Amino acid sequence: MANIKSAQKRVLVAERNHARNVAFKTSVKTALKKVLEAAKSKDDESLKASLSNAYQLCDKAVAKGILHKKTAARKKSRITKAANKLLAE
């Protein structure tokens, strides 16, 4: 732990932000998995809803600075591509 009081505060803030970022990234991953599950079940309504939710979470992560915008774009592109592939089967 740091000796200077302001440095100690920064360590605490960094830990808190890290925990928040990890939780948000986990929710993004869960949303992406739900899209794949909906695509496998070929349920069109749940697929649209889960895809919309996944897009929304990716965009929120970019706005909060948790994900880079190109990372979010790549995730959205890959999940859409995978969902379309599962629906085509």
PDB file of N, CA and C in Angstrom:
ATOM      1  N   MET A   1       0.845  -1.178   0.000  1.00  0.00           N
ATOM      2  CA  MET A   1       0.000   0.000   0.000  1.00  0.00           C
ATOM      3  C   MET A   1       0.891   1.243   0.000  1.00  0.00           C
ATOM      4  N   ALA A   2       0.399   2.277  -0.637  1.00  0.00           N
ATOM      5  CA  ALA A   2       1.169   3.517  -0.750  1.00  0.00           C
ATOM      6  C   ALA A   2       1.258   4.246   0.583  1.00  0.00           C
ATOM      7  N   ASN A   3       2.266   5.094   0.723  1.00  0.00           N
ATOM      8  CA  ASN A   3       2.461   5.847   1.960  1.00  0.00           C
ATOM      9  C   ASN A   3       1.716   7.175   1.951  1.00  0.00           C
ATOM     10  N   ILE A   4       1.579   7.770   0.793  1.00  0.00           N
ATOM     11  CA  ILE A   4       0.955   9.087   0.681  1.00  0.00           C
ATOM     12  C   ILE A   4      -0.565   8.926   0.660  1.00  0.00           C
ATOM     13  N   LYS A   5      -1.242   9.821   1.353  1.00  0.00           N
ATOM     14  CA  LYS A   5      -2.691   9.688   1.531  1.00  0.00           C
ATOM     15  C   LYS A   5      -3.438   9.740   0.197  1.00  0.00           C
ATOM     16  N   SER A   6      -3.048  10.629  -0.689  1.00  0.00           N
ATOM     17  CA  SER A   6      -3.730  10.736  -1.980  1.00  0.00           C
ATOM     18  C   SER A   6      -3.495   9.482  -2.822  1.00  0.00           C
ATOM     19  N   ALA A   7      -2.305   8.903  -2.699  1.00  0.00           N
ATOM     20  CA  ALA A   7      -2.005   7.672  -3.424  1.00  0.00           C
ATOM     21  C   ALA A   7      -2.824   6.509  -2.868  1.00  0.00           C
ATOM     22  N   GLN A   8      -3.031   6.496  -1.552  1.00  0.00           N
ATOM     23  CA  GLN A   8      -3.870   5.464  -0.939  1.00  0.00           C
ATOM     24  C   GLN A   8      -5.307   5.566  -1.451  1.00  0.00           C
ATOM     25  N   LYS A   9      -5.795   6.797  -1.577  1.00  0.00           N
ATOM     26  CA  LYS A   9      -7.146   7.013  -2.095  1.00  0.00           C
ATOM     27  C   LYS A   9      -7.249   6.539  -3.546  1.00  0.00           C
ATOM     28  N   ARG A  10      -6.225   6.819  -4.331  1.00  0.00           N
ATOM     29  CA  ARG A  10      -6.247   6.414  -5.740  1.00  0.00           C
ATOM     30  C   ARG A  10      -6.282   4.892  -5.861  1.00  0.00           C
ATOM     31  N   VAL A  11      -5.575   4.195  -4.970  1.00  0.00           N
ATOM     32  CA  VAL A  11      -5.581   2.732  -4.980  1.00  0.00           C
ATOM     33  C   VAL A  11      -6.988   2.227  -4.711  1.00  0.00           C
ATOM     34  N   LEU A  12      -7.669   2.829  -3.736  1.00  0.00           N
ATOM     35  CA  LEU A  12      -9.037   2.415  -3.415  1.00  0.00           C
ATOM     36  C   LEU A  12      -9.988   2.689  -4.572  1.00  0.00           C
ATOM     37  N   VAL A  13      -9.833   3.854  -5.190  1.00  0.00           N
ATOM     38  CA  VAL A  13     -10.689   4.205  -6.320  1.00  0.00           C
ATOM     39  C   VAL A  13     -10.437   3.260  -7.493  1.00  0.00           C
ATOM     40  N   ALA A  14      -9.172   2.944  -7.729  1.00  0.00           N
ATOM     41  CA  ALA A  14      -8.830   2.042  -8.827  1.00  0.00           C
ATOM     42  C   ALA A  14      -9.422   0.658  -8.602  1.00  0.00           C
ATOM     43  N   GLU A  15      -9.381   0.183  -7.362  1.00  0.00           N
ATOM     44  CA  GLU A  15      -9.974  -1.127  -7.055  1.00  0.00           C
ATOM     45  C   GLU A  15     -11.480  -1.118  -7.285  1.00  0.00           C
ATOM     46  N   ARG A  16     -12.128  -0.044  -6.850  1.00  0.00           N
ATOM     47  CA  ARG A  16     -13.580   0.067  -7.026  1.00  0.00           C
ATOM     48  C   ARG A  16     -13.948   0.107  -8.512  1.00  0.00           C
ATOM     49  N   ASN A  17     -13.199   0.898  -9.282  1.00  0.00           N
ATOM     50  CA  ASN A  17     -13.474   0.991 -10.721  1.00  0.00           C
ATOM     51  C   ASN A  17     -13.203  -0.340 -11.415  1.00  0.00           C
ATOM     52  N   HIS A  18     -12.164  -1.025 -10.986  1.00  0.00           N
ATOM     53  CA  HIS A  18     -11.841  -2.323 -11.585  1.00  0.00           C
ATOM     54  C   HIS A  18     -12.974  -3.315 -11.355  1.00  0.00           C
ATOM     55  N   ALA A  19     -13.490  -3.329 -10.128  1.00  0.00           N
ATOM     56  CA  ALA A  19     -14.598  -4.243  -9.813  1.00  0.00           C
ATOM     57  C   ALA A  19     -15.819  -3.922 -10.672  1.00  0.00           C
ATOM     58  N   ARG A  20     -16.107  -2.643 -10.845  1.00  0.00           N
ATOM     59  CA  ARG A  20     -17.245  -2.232 -11.674  1.00  0.00           C
ATOM     60  C   ARG A  20     -17.034  -2.630 -13.134  1.00  0.00           C
ATOM     61  N   ASN A  21     -15.829  -2.425 -13.640  1.00  0.00           N
ATOM     62  CA  ASN A  21     -15.520  -2.756 -15.035  1.00  0.00           C
ATOM     63  C   ASN A  21     -15.622  -4.256 -15.283  1.00  0.00           C
ATOM     64  N   VAL A  22     -15.112  -5.057 -14.352  1.00  0.00           N
ATOM     65  CA  VAL A  22     -15.171  -6.511 -14.496  1.00  0.00           C
ATOM     66  C   VAL A  22     -16.619  -6.973 -14.513  1.00  0.00           C
ATOM     67  N   ALA A  23     -17.440  -6.406 -13.636  1.00  0.00           N
ATOM     68  CA  ALA A  23     -18.854  -6.780 -13.580  1.00  0.00           C
ATOM     69  C   ALA A  23     -19.554  -6.430 -14.884  1.00  0.00           C
ATOM     70  N   PHE A  24     -19.242  -5.272 -15.443  1.00  0.00           N
ATOM     71  CA  PHE A  24     -19.884  -4.857 -16.686  1.00  0.00           C
ATOM     72  C   PHE A  24     -19.446  -5.736 -17.851  1.00  0.00           C
ATOM     73  N   LYS A  25     -18.151  -6.064 -17.893  1.00  0.00           N
ATOM     74  CA  LYS A  25     -17.658  -6.941 -18.968  1.00  0.00           C
ATOM     75  C   LYS A  25     -18.298  -8.314 -18.871  1.00  0.00           C
ATOM     76  N   THR A  26     -18.515  -8.795 -17.653  1.00  0.00           N
ATOM     77  CA  THR A  26     -19.162 -10.085 -17.458  1.00  0.00           C
ATOM     78  C   THR A  26     -20.595 -10.045 -17.979  1.00  0.00           C
ATOM     79  N   SER A  27     -21.290  -8.945 -17.735  1.00  0.00           N
ATOM     80  CA  SER A  27     -22.662  -8.844 -18.228  1.00  0.00           C
ATOM     81  C   SER A  27     -22.704  -8.800 -19.749  1.00  0.00           C
ATOM     82  N   VAL A  28     -21.701  -8.197 -20.360  1.00  0.00           N
ATOM     83  CA  VAL A  28     -21.623  -8.182 -21.829  1.00  0.00           C
ATOM     84  C   VAL A  28     -21.427  -9.606 -22.355  1.00  0.00           C
ATOM     85  N   LYS A  29     -20.524 -10.357 -21.717  1.00  0.00           N
ATOM     86  CA  LYS A  29     -20.270 -11.738 -22.140  1.00  0.00           C
ATOM     87  C   LYS A  29     -21.522 -12.596 -21.987  1.00  0.00           C
ATOM     88  N   THR A  30     -22.247 -12.404 -20.888  1.00  0.00           N
ATOM     89  CA  THR A  30     -23.470 -13.162 -20.652  1.00  0.00           C
ATOM     90  C   THR A  30     -24.508 -12.836 -21.718  1.00  0.00           C
ATOM     91  N   ALA A  31     -24.622 -11.563 -22.075  1.00  0.00           N
ATOM     92  CA  ALA A  31     -25.575 -11.157 -23.106  1.00  0.00           C
ATOM     93  C   ALA A  31     -25.223 -11.796 -24.443  1.00  0.00           C
ATOM     94  N   LEU A  32     -23.938 -11.880 -24.748  1.00  0.00           N
ATOM     95  CA  LEU A  32     -23.517 -12.495 -26.007  1.00  0.00           C
ATOM     96  C   LEU A  32     -23.845 -13.988 -26.018  1.00  0.00           C
ATOM     97  N   LYS A  33     -23.684 -14.649 -24.873  1.00  0.00           N
ATOM     98  CA  LYS A  33     -24.021 -16.070 -24.787  1.00  0.00           C
ATOM     99  C   LYS A  33     -25.520 -16.290 -24.956  1.00  0.00           C
ATOM    100  N   LYS A  34     -26.327 -15.370 -24.426  1.00  0.00           N
ATOM    101  CA  LYS A  34     -27.780 -15.495 -24.554  1.00  0.00           C
ATOM    102  C   LYS A  34     -28.216 -15.350 -26.005  1.00  0.00           C
ATOM    103  N   VAL A  35     -27.495 -14.543 -26.771  1.00  0.00           N
ATOM    104  CA  VAL A  35     -27.803 -14.413 -28.203  1.00  0.00           C
ATOM    105  C   VAL A  35     -27.577 -15.750 -28.894  1.00  0.00           C
ATOM    106  N   LEU A  36     -26.465 -16.407 -28.581  1.00  0.00           N
ATOM    107  CA  LEU A  36     -26.178 -17.698 -29.204  1.00  0.00           C
ATOM    108  C   LEU A  36     -27.212 -18.745 -28.814  1.00  0.00           C
ATOM    109  N   GLU A  37     -27.634 -18.740 -27.544  1.00  0.00           N
ATOM    110  CA  GLU A  37     -28.655 -19.691 -27.106  1.00  0.00           C
ATOM    111  C   GLU A  37     -29.967 -19.458 -27.839  1.00  0.00           C
ATOM    112  N   ALA A  38     -30.338 -18.201 -28.016  1.00  0.00           N
ATOM    113  CA  ALA A  38     -31.577 -17.877 -28.727  1.00  0.00           C
ATOM    114  C   ALA A  38     -31.474 -18.279 -30.194  1.00  0.00           C
ATOM    115  N   ALA A  39     -30.295 -18.123 -30.775  1.00  0.00           N
ATOM    116  CA  ALA A  39     -30.106 -18.510 -32.180  1.00  0.00           C
ATOM    117  C   ALA A  39     -30.172 -20.025 -32.333  1.00  0.00           C
ATOM    118  N   LYS A  40     -29.617 -20.757 -31.352  1.00  0.00           N
ATOM    119  CA  LYS A  40     -29.664 -22.217 -31.418  1.00  0.00           C
ATOM    120  C   LYS A  40     -31.088 -22.730 -31.309  1.00  0.00           C
ATOM    121  N   SER A  41     -31.906 -22.063 -30.480  1.00  0.00           N
ATOM    122  CA  SER A  41     -33.296 -22.503 -30.310  1.00  0.00           C
ATOM    123  C   SER A  41     -34.174 -22.022 -31.461  1.00  0.00           C
ATOM    124  N   LYS A  42     -33.609 -21.159 -32.324  1.00  0.00           N
ATOM    125  CA  LYS A  42     -34.305 -20.627 -33.501  1.00  0.00           C
ATOM    126  C   LYS A  42     -35.588 -19.887 -33.128  1.00  0.00           C
ATOM    127  N   ASP A  43     -35.570 -19.248 -31.957  1.00  0.00           N
ATOM    128  CA  ASP A  43     -36.693 -18.433 -31.500  1.00  0.00           C
ATOM    129  C   ASP A  43     -36.432 -16.999 -31.950  1.00  0.00           C
ATOM    130  N   ASP A  44     -37.182 -16.554 -32.948  1.00  0.00           N
ATOM    131  CA  ASP A  44     -36.907 -15.270 -33.586  1.00  0.00           C
ATOM    132  C   ASP A  44     -37.125 -14.093 -32.637  1.00  0.00           C
ATOM    133  N   GLU A  45     -38.189 -14.134 -31.848  1.00  0.00           N
ATOM    134  CA  GLU A  45     -38.482 -13.026 -30.936  1.00  0.00           C
ATOM    135  C   GLU A  45     -37.400 -12.879 -29.863  1.00  0.00           C
ATOM    136  N   SER A  46     -37.030 -13.988 -29.235  1.00  0.00           N
ATOM    137  CA  SER A  46     -36.010 -13.900 -28.186  1.00  0.00           C
ATOM    138  C   SER A  46     -34.647 -13.546 -28.781  1.00  0.00           C
ATOM    139  N   LEU A  47     -34.422 -13.961 -30.011  1.00  0.00           N
ATOM    140  CA  LEU A  47     -33.158 -13.612 -30.669  1.00  0.00           C
ATOM    141  C   LEU A  47     -33.068 -12.106 -30.871  1.00  0.00           C
ATOM    142  N   LYS A  48     -34.145 -11.515 -31.364  1.00  0.00           N
ATOM    143  CA  LYS A  48     -34.134 -10.067 -31.589  1.00  0.00           C
ATOM    144  C   LYS A  48     -33.949  -9.317 -30.270  1.00  0.00           C
ATOM    145  N   ALA A  49     -34.641  -9.779 -29.236  1.00  0.00           N
ATOM    146  CA  ALA A  49     -34.540  -9.107 -27.939  1.00  0.00           C
ATOM    147  C   ALA A  49     -33.136  -9.245 -27.352  1.00  0.00           C
ATOM    148  N   SER A  50     -32.577 -10.441 -27.399  1.00  0.00           N
ATOM    149  CA  SER A  50     -31.249 -10.654 -26.824  1.00  0.00           C
ATOM    150  C   SER A  50     -30.166  -9.954 -27.651  1.00  0.00           C
ATOM    151  N   LEU A  51     -30.343  -9.914 -28.964  1.00  0.00           N
ATOM    152  CA  LEU A  51     -29.380  -9.218 -29.817  1.00  0.00           C
ATOM    153  C   LEU A  51     -29.411  -7.718 -29.532  1.00  0.00           C
ATOM    154  N   SER A  52     -30.603  -7.190 -29.381  1.00  0.00           N
ATOM    155  CA  SER A  52     -30.752  -5.774 -29.053  1.00  0.00           C
ATOM    156  C   SER A  52     -30.107  -5.456 -27.703  1.00  0.00           C
ATOM    157  N   ASN A  53     -30.321  -6.328 -26.732  1.00  0.00           N
ATOM    158  CA  ASN A  53     -29.731  -6.137 -25.407  1.00  0.00           C
ATOM    159  C   ASN A  53     -28.204  -6.198 -25.472  1.00  0.00           C
ATOM    160  N   ALA A  54     -27.686  -7.140 -26.244  1.00  0.00           N
ATOM    161  CA  ALA A  54     -26.229  -7.268 -26.369  1.00  0.00           C
ATOM    162  C   ALA A  54     -25.634  -6.023 -27.029  1.00  0.00           C
ATOM    163  N   TYR A  55     -26.281  -5.522 -28.070  1.00  0.00           N
ATOM    164  CA  TYR A  55     -25.817  -4.304 -28.728  1.00  0.00           C
ATOM    165  C   TYR A  55     -25.828  -3.137 -27.744  1.00  0.00           C
ATOM    166  N   GLN A  56     -26.908  -3.043 -26.982  1.00  0.00           N
ATOM    167  CA  GLN A  56     -27.051  -1.952 -26.025  1.00  0.00           C
ATOM    168  C   GLN A  56     -25.945  -1.996 -24.968  1.00  0.00           C
ATOM    169  N   LEU A  57     -25.674  -3.185 -24.450  1.00  0.00           N
ATOM    170  CA  LEU A  57     -24.628  -3.306 -23.431  1.00  0.00           C
ATOM    171  C   LEU A  57     -23.250  -2.976 -23.997  1.00  0.00           C
ATOM    172  N   CYS A  58     -22.984  -3.403 -25.229  1.00  0.00           N
ATOM    173  CA  CYS A  58     -21.692  -3.083 -25.853  1.00  0.00           C
ATOM    174  C   CYS A  58     -21.546  -1.570 -26.022  1.00  0.00           C
ATOM    175  N   ASP A  59     -22.620  -0.922 -26.471  1.00  0.00           N
ATOM    176  CA  ASP A  59     -22.560   0.529 -26.664  1.00  0.00           C
ATOM    177  C   ASP A  59     -22.408   1.264 -25.338  1.00  0.00           C
ATOM    178  N   LYS A  60     -23.070   0.768 -24.285  1.00  0.00           N
ATOM    179  CA  LYS A  60     -22.924   1.380 -22.969  1.00  0.00           C
ATOM    180  C   LYS A  60     -21.493   1.232 -22.459  1.00  0.00           C
ATOM    181  N   ALA A  61     -20.899   0.062 -22.700  1.00  0.00           N
ATOM    182  CA  ALA A  61     -19.524  -0.171 -22.261  1.00  0.00           C
ATOM    183  C   ALA A  61     -18.571   0.801 -22.952  1.00  0.00           C
ATOM    184  N   VAL A  62     -18.837   1.091 -24.214  1.00  0.00           N
ATOM    185  CA  VAL A  62     -18.006   2.062 -24.934  1.00  0.00           C
ATOM    186  C   VAL A  62     -18.200   3.450 -24.338  1.00  0.00           C
ATOM    187  N   ALA A  63     -19.435   3.807 -24.058  1.00  0.00           N
ATOM    188  CA  ALA A  63     -19.719   5.134 -23.507  1.00  0.00           C
ATOM    189  C   ALA A  63     -19.078   5.318 -22.136  1.00  0.00           C
ATOM    190  N   LYS A  64     -19.020   4.251 -21.345  1.00  0.00           N
ATOM    191  CA  LYS A  64     -18.422   4.326 -20.014  1.00  0.00           C
ATOM    192  C   LYS A  64     -16.906   4.183 -20.053  1.00  0.00           C
ATOM    193  N   GLY A  65     -16.338   3.873 -21.215  1.00  0.00           N
ATOM    194  CA  GLY A  65     -14.895   3.725 -21.332  1.00  0.00           C
ATOM    195  C   GLY A  65     -14.391   2.365 -20.899  1.00  0.00           C
ATOM    196  N   ILE A  66     -15.298   1.388 -20.804  1.00  0.00           N
ATOM    197  CA  ILE A  66     -14.904   0.048 -20.379  1.00  0.00           C
ATOM    198  C   ILE A  66     -14.353  -0.745 -21.561  1.00  0.00           C
ATOM    199  N   LEU A  67     -14.979  -0.594 -22.721  1.00  0.00           N
ATOM    200  CA  LEU A  67     -14.510  -1.242 -23.944  1.00  0.00           C
ATOM    201  C   LEU A  67     -14.127  -0.175 -24.959  1.00  0.00           C
ATOM    202  N   HIS A  68     -13.153  -0.494 -25.785  1.00  0.00           N
ATOM    203  CA  HIS A  68     -12.808   0.363 -26.912  1.00  0.00           C
ATOM    204  C   HIS A  68     -13.898   0.229 -27.966  1.00  0.00           C
ATOM    205  N   LYS A  69     -14.143   1.271 -28.741  1.00  0.00           N
ATOM    206  CA  LYS A  69     -15.253   1.229 -29.695  1.00  0.00           C
ATOM    207  C   LYS A  69     -15.042   0.171 -30.775  1.00  0.00           C
ATOM    208  N   LYS A  70     -13.806  -0.068 -31.157  1.00  0.00           N
ATOM    209  CA  LYS A  70     -13.570  -1.090 -32.172  1.00  0.00           C
ATOM    210  C   LYS A  70     -13.732  -2.490 -31.594  1.00  0.00           C
ATOM    211  N   THR A  71     -13.437  -2.659 -30.319  1.00  0.00           N
ATOM    212  CA  THR A  71     -13.652  -3.940 -29.661  1.00  0.00           C
ATOM    213  C   THR A  71     -15.141  -4.250 -29.621  1.00  0.00           C
ATOM    214  N   ALA A  72     -15.939  -3.248 -29.270  1.00  0.00           N
ATOM    215  CA  ALA A  72     -17.389  -3.438 -29.223  1.00  0.00           C
ATOM    216  C   ALA A  72     -17.934  -3.731 -30.616  1.00  0.00           C
ATOM    217  N   ALA A  73     -17.435  -3.035 -31.620  1.00  0.00           N
ATOM    218  CA  ALA A  73     -17.879  -3.264 -32.994  1.00  0.00           C
ATOM    219  C   ALA A  73     -17.539  -4.684 -33.431  1.00  0.00           C
ATOM    220  N   ARG A  74     -16.353  -5.156 -33.050  1.00  0.00           N
ATOM    221  CA  ARG A  74     -15.943  -6.510 -33.410  1.00  0.00           C
ATOM    222  C   ARG A  74     -16.831  -7.543 -32.736  1.00  0.00           C
ATOM    223  N   LYS A  75     -17.130  -7.326 -31.452  1.00  0.00           N
ATOM    224  CA  LYS A  75     -17.996  -8.253 -30.725  1.00  0.00           C
ATOM    225  C   LYS A  75     -19.386  -8.297 -31.354  1.00  0.00           C
ATOM    226  N   LYS A  76     -19.931  -7.139 -31.680  1.00  0.00           N
ATOM    227  CA  LYS A  76     -21.269  -7.085 -32.273  1.00  0.00           C
ATOM    228  C   LYS A  76     -21.283  -7.765 -33.636  1.00  0.00           C
ATOM    229  N   SER A  77     -20.248  -7.532 -34.408  1.00  0.00           N
ATOM    230  CA  SER A  77     -20.159  -8.137 -35.730  1.00  0.00           C
ATOM    231  C   SER A  77     -20.069  -9.655 -35.641  1.00  0.00           C
ATOM    232  N   ARG A  78     -19.220 -10.138 -34.755  1.00  0.00           N
ATOM    233  CA  ARG A  78     -19.030 -11.585 -34.625  1.00  0.00           C
ATOM    234  C   ARG A  78     -20.276 -12.277 -34.114  1.00  0.00           C
ATOM    235  N   ILE A  79     -20.977 -11.653 -33.169  1.00  0.00           N
ATOM    236  CA  ILE A  79     -22.162 -12.293 -32.607  1.00  0.00           C
ATOM    237  C   ILE A  79     -23.278 -12.314 -33.642  1.00  0.00           C
ATOM    238  N   THR A  80     -23.391 -11.271 -34.451  1.00  0.00           N
ATOM    239  CA  THR A  80     -24.406 -11.247 -35.503  1.00  0.00           C
ATOM    240  C   THR A  80     -24.093 -12.298 -36.556  1.00  0.00           C
ATOM    241  N   LYS A  81     -22.844 -12.406 -36.918  1.00  0.00           N
ATOM    242  CA  LYS A  81     -22.417 -13.386 -37.907  1.00  0.00           C
ATOM    243  C   LYS A  81     -22.693 -14.819 -37.417  1.00  0.00           C
ATOM    244  N   ALA A  82     -22.382 -15.070 -36.145  1.00  0.00           N
ATOM    245  CA  ALA A  82     -22.600 -16.393 -35.569  1.00  0.00           C
ATOM    246  C   ALA A  82     -24.089 -16.712 -35.469  1.00  0.00           C
ATOM    247  N   ALA A  83     -24.897 -15.711 -35.102  1.00  0.00           N
ATOM    248  CA  ALA A  83     -26.339 -15.923 -34.985  1.00  0.00           C
ATOM    249  C   ALA A  83     -26.946 -16.227 -36.350  1.00  0.00           C
ATOM    250  N   ASN A  84     -26.509 -15.503 -37.362  1.00  0.00           N
ATOM    251  CA  ASN A  84     -27.021 -15.751 -38.721  1.00  0.00           C
ATOM    252  C   ASN A  84     -26.624 -17.141 -39.218  1.00  0.00           C
ATOM    253  N   LYS A  85     -25.417 -17.560 -38.859  1.00  0.00           N
ATOM    254  CA  LYS A  85     -24.953 -18.873 -39.260  1.00  0.00           C
ATOM    255  C   LYS A  85     -25.792 -19.974 -38.600  1.00  0.00           C
ATOM    256  N   LEU A  86     -26.101 -19.805 -37.313  1.00  0.00           N
ATOM    257  CA  LEU A  86     -26.925 -20.795 -36.602  1.00  0.00           C
ATOM    258  C   LEU A  86     -28.346 -20.798 -37.131  1.00  0.00           C
ATOM    259  N   LEU A  87     -28.863 -19.653 -37.505  1.00  0.00           N
ATOM    260  CA  LEU A  87     -30.232 -19.604 -38.037  1.00  0.00           C
ATOM    261  C   LEU A  87     -30.321 -20.248 -39.413  1.00  0.00           C
ATOM    262  N   ALA A  88     -29.232 -20.188 -40.176  1.00  0.00           N
ATOM    263  CA  ALA A  88     -29.225 -20.748 -41.530  1.00  0.00           C
ATOM    264  C   ALA A  88     -29.204 -22.273 -41.514  1.00  0.00           C
ATOM    265  N   GLU A  89     -28.745 -22.858 -40.408  1.00  0.00           N
ATOM    266  CA  GLU A  89     -28.647 -24.327 -40.342  1.00  0.00           C
ATOM    267  C   GLU A  89     -29.994 -24.963 -40.276  1.00  0.00           C
TER     268      GLU A  89
END
